[in-house]
PDB file of N, CA and C in Angstrom:
ATOM      1  N   UNK A   1     -26.598  80.664  38.071  1.00  0.00           N
ATOM      2  CA  UNK A   1     -27.998  80.878  37.761  1.00  0.00           C
ATOM      3  C   UNK A   1     -28.086  81.941  36.681  1.00  0.00           C
ATOM      4  N   UNK A   2     -29.021  81.775  35.787  1.00  0.00           N
ATOM      5  CA  UNK A   2     -29.221  82.739  34.718  1.00  0.00           C
ATOM      6  C   UNK A   2     -30.715  82.972  34.527  1.00  0.00           C
ATOM      7  N   UNK A   3     -31.046  84.135  33.993  1.00  0.00           N
ATOM      8  CA  UNK A   3     -32.434  84.428  33.647  1.00  0.00           C
ATOM      9  C   UNK A   3     -32.485  84.789  32.175  1.00  0.00           C
ATOM     10  N   UNK A   4     -33.590  84.453  31.548  1.00  0.00           N
ATOM     11  CA  UNK A   4     -33.827  84.826  30.157  1.00  0.00           C
ATOM     12  C   UNK A   4     -35.110  85.633  30.113  1.00  0.00           C
ATOM     13  N   UNK A   5     -35.038  86.806  29.501  1.00  0.00           N
ATOM     14  CA  UNK A   5     -36.212  87.667  29.383  1.00  0.00           C
ATOM     15  C   UNK A   5     -36.576  87.797  27.918  1.00  0.00           C
ATOM     16  N   UNK A   6     -37.817  87.428  27.597  1.00  0.00           N
ATOM     17  CA  UNK A   6     -38.318  87.539  26.227  1.00  0.00           C
ATOM     18  C   UNK A   6     -39.741  88.067  26.249  1.00  0.00           C
ATOM     19  N   UNK A   7     -40.158  88.598  25.115  1.00  0.00           N
ATOM     20  CA  UNK A   7     -41.556  88.976  24.937  1.00  0.00           C
ATOM     21  C   UNK A   7     -42.276  87.775  24.358  1.00  0.00           C
ATOM     22  N   UNK A   8     -43.554  87.687  24.619  1.00  0.00           N
ATOM     23  CA  UNK A   8     -44.324  86.531  24.127  1.00  0.00           C
ATOM     24  C   UNK A   8     -44.328  86.444  22.610  1.00  0.00           C
ATOM     25  N   UNK A   9     -44.350  87.584  21.945  1.00  0.00           N
ATOM     26  CA  UNK A   9     -44.454  87.581  20.482  1.00  0.00           C
ATOM     27  C   UNK A   9     -43.097  87.702  19.781  1.00  0.00           C
ATOM     28  N   UNK A  10     -42.002  87.658  20.527  1.00  0.00           N
ATOM     29  CA  UNK A  10     -40.674  87.818  19.944  1.00  0.00           C
ATOM     30  C   UNK A  10     -39.750  86.730  20.500  1.00  0.00           C
ATOM     31  N   UNK A  11     -39.230  85.860  19.639  1.00  0.00           N
ATOM     32  CA  UNK A  11     -38.382  84.768  20.134  1.00  0.00           C
ATOM     33  C   UNK A  11     -36.999  85.237  20.602  1.00  0.00           C
ATOM     34  N   UNK A  12     -36.598  86.447  20.257  1.00  0.00           N
ATOM     35  CA  UNK A  12     -35.298  86.971  20.693  1.00  0.00           C
ATOM     36  C   UNK A  12     -35.419  87.502  22.112  1.00  0.00           C
ATOM     37  N   UNK A  13     -34.375  87.317  22.883  1.00  0.00           N
ATOM     38  CA  UNK A  13     -34.427  87.770  24.258  1.00  0.00           C
ATOM     39  C   UNK A  13     -33.048  88.098  24.780  1.00  0.00           C
ATOM     40  N   UNK A  14     -32.991  88.332  26.066  1.00  0.00           N
ATOM     41  CA  UNK A  14     -31.740  88.655  26.730  1.00  0.00           C
ATOM     42  C   UNK A  14     -31.507  87.606  27.815  1.00  0.00           C
ATOM     43  N   UNK A  15     -30.325  87.032  27.847  1.00  0.00           N
ATOM     44  CA  UNK A  15     -29.969  86.058  28.884  1.00  0.00           C
ATOM     45  C   UNK A  15     -28.890  86.674  29.754  1.00  0.00           C
ATOM     46  N   UNK A  16     -29.131  86.666  31.050  1.00  0.00           N
ATOM     47  CA  UNK A  16     -28.195  87.267  32.000  1.00  0.00           C
ATOM     48  C   UNK A  16     -27.798  86.250  33.053  1.00  0.00           C
ATOM     49  N   UNK A  17     -26.526  86.253  33.380  1.00  0.00           N
ATOM     50  CA  UNK A  17     -26.027  85.388  34.452  1.00  0.00           C
ATOM     51  C   UNK A  17     -26.023  86.218  35.728  1.00  0.00           C
ATOM     52  N   UNK A  18     -26.583  85.659  36.796  1.00  0.00           N
ATOM     53  CA  UNK A  18     -26.714  86.395  38.048  1.00  0.00           C
ATOM     54  C   UNK A  18     -25.686  85.937  39.074  1.00  0.00           C
ATOM     55  N   UNK A  19     -25.131  86.900  39.773  1.00  0.00           N
ATOM     56  CA  UNK A  19     -24.246  86.646  40.904  1.00  0.00           C
ATOM     57  C   UNK A  19     -25.085  86.835  42.164  1.00  0.00           C
ATOM     58  N   UNK A  20     -25.322  85.778  42.939  1.00  0.00           N
ATOM     59  CA  UNK A  20     -26.202  85.882  44.106  1.00  0.00           C
ATOM     60  C   UNK A  20     -25.805  86.985  45.098  1.00  0.00           C
ATOM     61  N   UNK A  21     -24.534  87.253  45.228  1.00  0.00           N
ATOM     62  CA  UNK A  21     -24.088  88.307  46.159  1.00  0.00           C
ATOM     63  C   UNK A  21     -24.513  89.687  45.668  1.00  0.00           C
ATOM     64  N   UNK A  22     -24.514  89.872  44.365  1.00  0.00           N
ATOM     65  CA  UNK A  22     -24.861  91.176  43.804  1.00  0.00           C
ATOM     66  C   UNK A  22     -26.363  91.392  43.700  1.00  0.00           C
ATOM     67  N   UNK A  23     -27.157  90.321  43.726  1.00  0.00           N
ATOM     68  CA  UNK A  23     -28.605  90.499  43.639  1.00  0.00           C
ATOM     69  C   UNK A  23     -29.217  90.925  44.966  1.00  0.00           C
ATOM     70  N   UNK A  24     -28.482  90.842  46.049  1.00  0.00           N
ATOM     71  CA  UNK A  24     -29.023  91.192  47.366  1.00  0.00           C
ATOM     72  C   UNK A  24     -29.564  92.615  47.433  1.00  0.00           C
ATOM     73  N   UNK A  25     -28.924  93.551  46.735  1.00  0.00           N
ATOM     74  CA  UNK A  25     -29.396  94.939  46.800  1.00  0.00           C
ATOM     75  C   UNK A  25     -30.604  95.200  45.896  1.00  0.00           C
ATOM     76  N   UNK A  26     -30.957  94.244  45.059  1.00  0.00           N
ATOM     77  CA  UNK A  26     -32.138  94.344  44.206  1.00  0.00           C
ATOM     78  C   UNK A  26     -33.189  93.386  44.746  1.00  0.00           C
ATOM     79  N   UNK A  27     -34.063  93.885  45.588  1.00  0.00           N
ATOM     80  CA  UNK A  27     -34.978  93.027  46.344  1.00  0.00           C
ATOM     81  C   UNK A  27     -35.942  92.231  45.469  1.00  0.00           C
ATOM     82  N   UNK A  28     -36.431  92.826  44.406  1.00  0.00           N
ATOM     83  CA  UNK A  28     -37.376  92.122  43.526  1.00  0.00           C
ATOM     84  C   UNK A  28     -36.657  90.993  42.783  1.00  0.00           C
ATOM     85  N   UNK A  29     -35.512  91.302  42.188  1.00  0.00           N
ATOM     86  CA  UNK A  29     -34.758  90.289  41.451  1.00  0.00           C
ATOM     87  C   UNK A  29     -34.315  89.175  42.396  1.00  0.00           C
ATOM     88  N   UNK A  30     -33.857  89.536  43.581  1.00  0.00           N
ATOM     89  CA  UNK A  30     -33.407  88.548  44.551  1.00  0.00           C
ATOM     90  C   UNK A  30     -34.553  87.631  44.981  1.00  0.00           C
ATOM     91  N   UNK A  31     -35.734  88.191  45.202  1.00  0.00           N
ATOM     92  CA  UNK A  31     -36.889  87.381  45.606  1.00  0.00           C
ATOM     93  C   UNK A  31     -37.258  86.379  44.515  1.00  0.00           C
ATOM     94  N   UNK A  32     -37.209  86.804  43.268  1.00  0.00           N
ATOM     95  CA  UNK A  32     -37.497  85.893  42.161  1.00  0.00           C
ATOM     96  C   UNK A  32     -36.407  84.849  41.987  1.00  0.00           C
ATOM     97  N   UNK A  33     -35.173  85.278  42.131  1.00  0.00           N
ATOM     98  CA  UNK A  33     -34.013  84.391  41.991  1.00  0.00           C
ATOM     99  C   UNK A  33     -34.048  83.278  43.033  1.00  0.00           C
ATOM    100  N   UNK A  34     -34.440  83.617  44.248  1.00  0.00           N
ATOM    101  CA  UNK A  34     -34.484  82.639  45.330  1.00  0.00           C
ATOM    102  C   UNK A  34     -35.839  81.952  45.467  1.00  0.00           C
ATOM    103  N   UNK A  35     -36.744  82.227  44.526  1.00  0.00           N
ATOM    104  CA  UNK A  35     -38.093  81.655  44.540  1.00  0.00           C
ATOM    105  C   UNK A  35     -38.828  81.929  45.851  1.00  0.00           C
ATOM    106  N   UNK A  36     -38.625  83.118  46.395  1.00  0.00           N
ATOM    107  CA  UNK A  36     -39.319  83.497  47.623  1.00  0.00           C
ATOM    108  C   UNK A  36     -40.757  83.906  47.356  1.00  0.00           C
ATOM    109  N   UNK A  37     -41.000  84.430  46.142  1.00  0.00           N
ATOM    110  CA  UNK A  37     -42.354  84.819  45.758  1.00  0.00           C
ATOM    111  C   UNK A  37     -42.434  84.895  44.242  1.00  0.00           C
ATOM    112  N   UNK A  38     -43.652  84.950  43.747  1.00  0.00           N
ATOM    113  CA  UNK A  38     -43.894  85.107  42.311  1.00  0.00           C
ATOM    114  C   UNK A  38     -43.576  86.561  41.945  1.00  0.00           C
ATOM    115  N   UNK A  39     -42.729  86.756  40.969  1.00  0.00           N
ATOM    116  CA  UNK A  39     -42.314  88.105  40.580  1.00  0.00           C
ATOM    117  C   UNK A  39     -42.746  88.366  39.141  1.00  0.00           C
ATOM    118  N   UNK A  40     -43.484  89.441  38.945  1.00  0.00           N
ATOM    119  CA  UNK A  40     -43.937  89.820  37.602  1.00  0.00           C
ATOM    120  C   UNK A  40     -42.779  90.424  36.802  1.00  0.00           C
ATOM    121  N   UNK A  41     -42.801  90.183  35.502  1.00  0.00           N
ATOM    122  CA  UNK A  41     -41.749  90.729  34.637  1.00  0.00           C
ATOM    123  C   UNK A  41     -41.651  92.244  34.775  1.00  0.00           C
ATOM    124  N   UNK A  42     -42.793  92.905  34.857  1.00  0.00           N
ATOM    125  CA  UNK A  42     -42.808  94.372  34.945  1.00  0.00           C
ATOM    126  C   UNK A  42     -42.031  94.846  36.176  1.00  0.00           C
ATOM    127  N   UNK A  43     -42.158  94.123  37.292  1.00  0.00           N
ATOM    128  CA  UNK A  43     -41.427  94.496  38.504  1.00  0.00           C
ATOM    129  C   UNK A  43     -39.917  94.416  38.277  1.00  0.00           C
ATOM    130  N   UNK A  44     -39.488  93.349  37.600  1.00  0.00           N
ATOM    131  CA  UNK A  44     -38.060  93.177  37.315  1.00  0.00           C
ATOM    132  C   UNK A  44     -37.574  94.279  36.379  1.00  0.00           C
ATOM    133  N   UNK A  45     -38.323  94.537  35.312  1.00  0.00           N
ATOM    134  CA  UNK A  45     -37.926  95.584  34.372  1.00  0.00           C
ATOM    135  C   UNK A  45     -37.832  96.947  35.075  1.00  0.00           C
ATOM    136  N   UNK A  46     -38.815  97.256  35.906  1.00  0.00           N
ATOM    137  CA  UNK A  46     -38.796  98.522  36.622  1.00  0.00           C
ATOM    138  C   UNK A  46     -37.563  98.643  37.513  1.00  0.00           C
ATOM    139  N   UNK A  47     -37.231  97.560  38.193  1.00  0.00           N
ATOM    140  CA  UNK A  47     -36.070  97.598  39.074  1.00  0.00           C
ATOM    141  C   UNK A  47     -34.776  97.748  38.275  1.00  0.00           C
ATOM    142  N   UNK A  48     -34.680  97.073  37.153  1.00  0.00           N
ATOM    143  CA  UNK A  48     -33.483  97.189  36.303  1.00  0.00           C
ATOM    144  C   UNK A  48     -33.364  98.613  35.744  1.00  0.00           C
ATOM    145  N   UNK A  49     -34.457  99.134  35.217  1.00  0.00           N
ATOM    146  CA  UNK A  49     -34.412 100.441  34.567  1.00  0.00           C
ATOM    147  C   UNK A  49     -34.200 101.590  35.554  1.00  0.00           C
ATOM    148  N   UNK A  50     -34.715 101.470  36.759  1.00  0.00           N
ATOM    149  CA  UNK A  50     -34.537 102.533  37.744  1.00  0.00           C
ATOM    150  C   UNK A  50     -33.260 102.369  38.551  1.00  0.00           C
ATOM    151  N   UNK A  51     -32.699 101.152  38.531  1.00  0.00           N
ATOM    152  CA  UNK A  51     -31.479 100.901  39.281  1.00  0.00           C
ATOM    153  C   UNK A  51     -31.711 100.911  40.782  1.00  0.00           C
ATOM    154  N   UNK A  52     -32.979 100.801  41.180  1.00  0.00           N
ATOM    155  CA  UNK A  52     -33.270 100.815  42.616  1.00  0.00           C
ATOM    156  C   UNK A  52     -32.918  99.475  43.224  1.00  0.00           C
ATOM    157  N   UNK A  53     -32.643  99.542  44.463  1.00  0.00           N
ATOM    158  CA  UNK A  53     -32.357  98.303  45.150  1.00  0.00           C
ATOM    159  C   UNK A  53     -32.057  98.555  46.589  1.00  0.00           C
TER     160      UNK A  53
END
């Protein structure tokens, strides 16, 4: 599984390959990855930048 993050006004983005075992400690990313709930981009960015999980 992979995710691509882009801005609406910029066609360049970042593509990341996710390891399901490693996403478990990141609750927001894991919820989005498993389609458990709708996850806003801001929530994902905040979790990545703070390293919380």
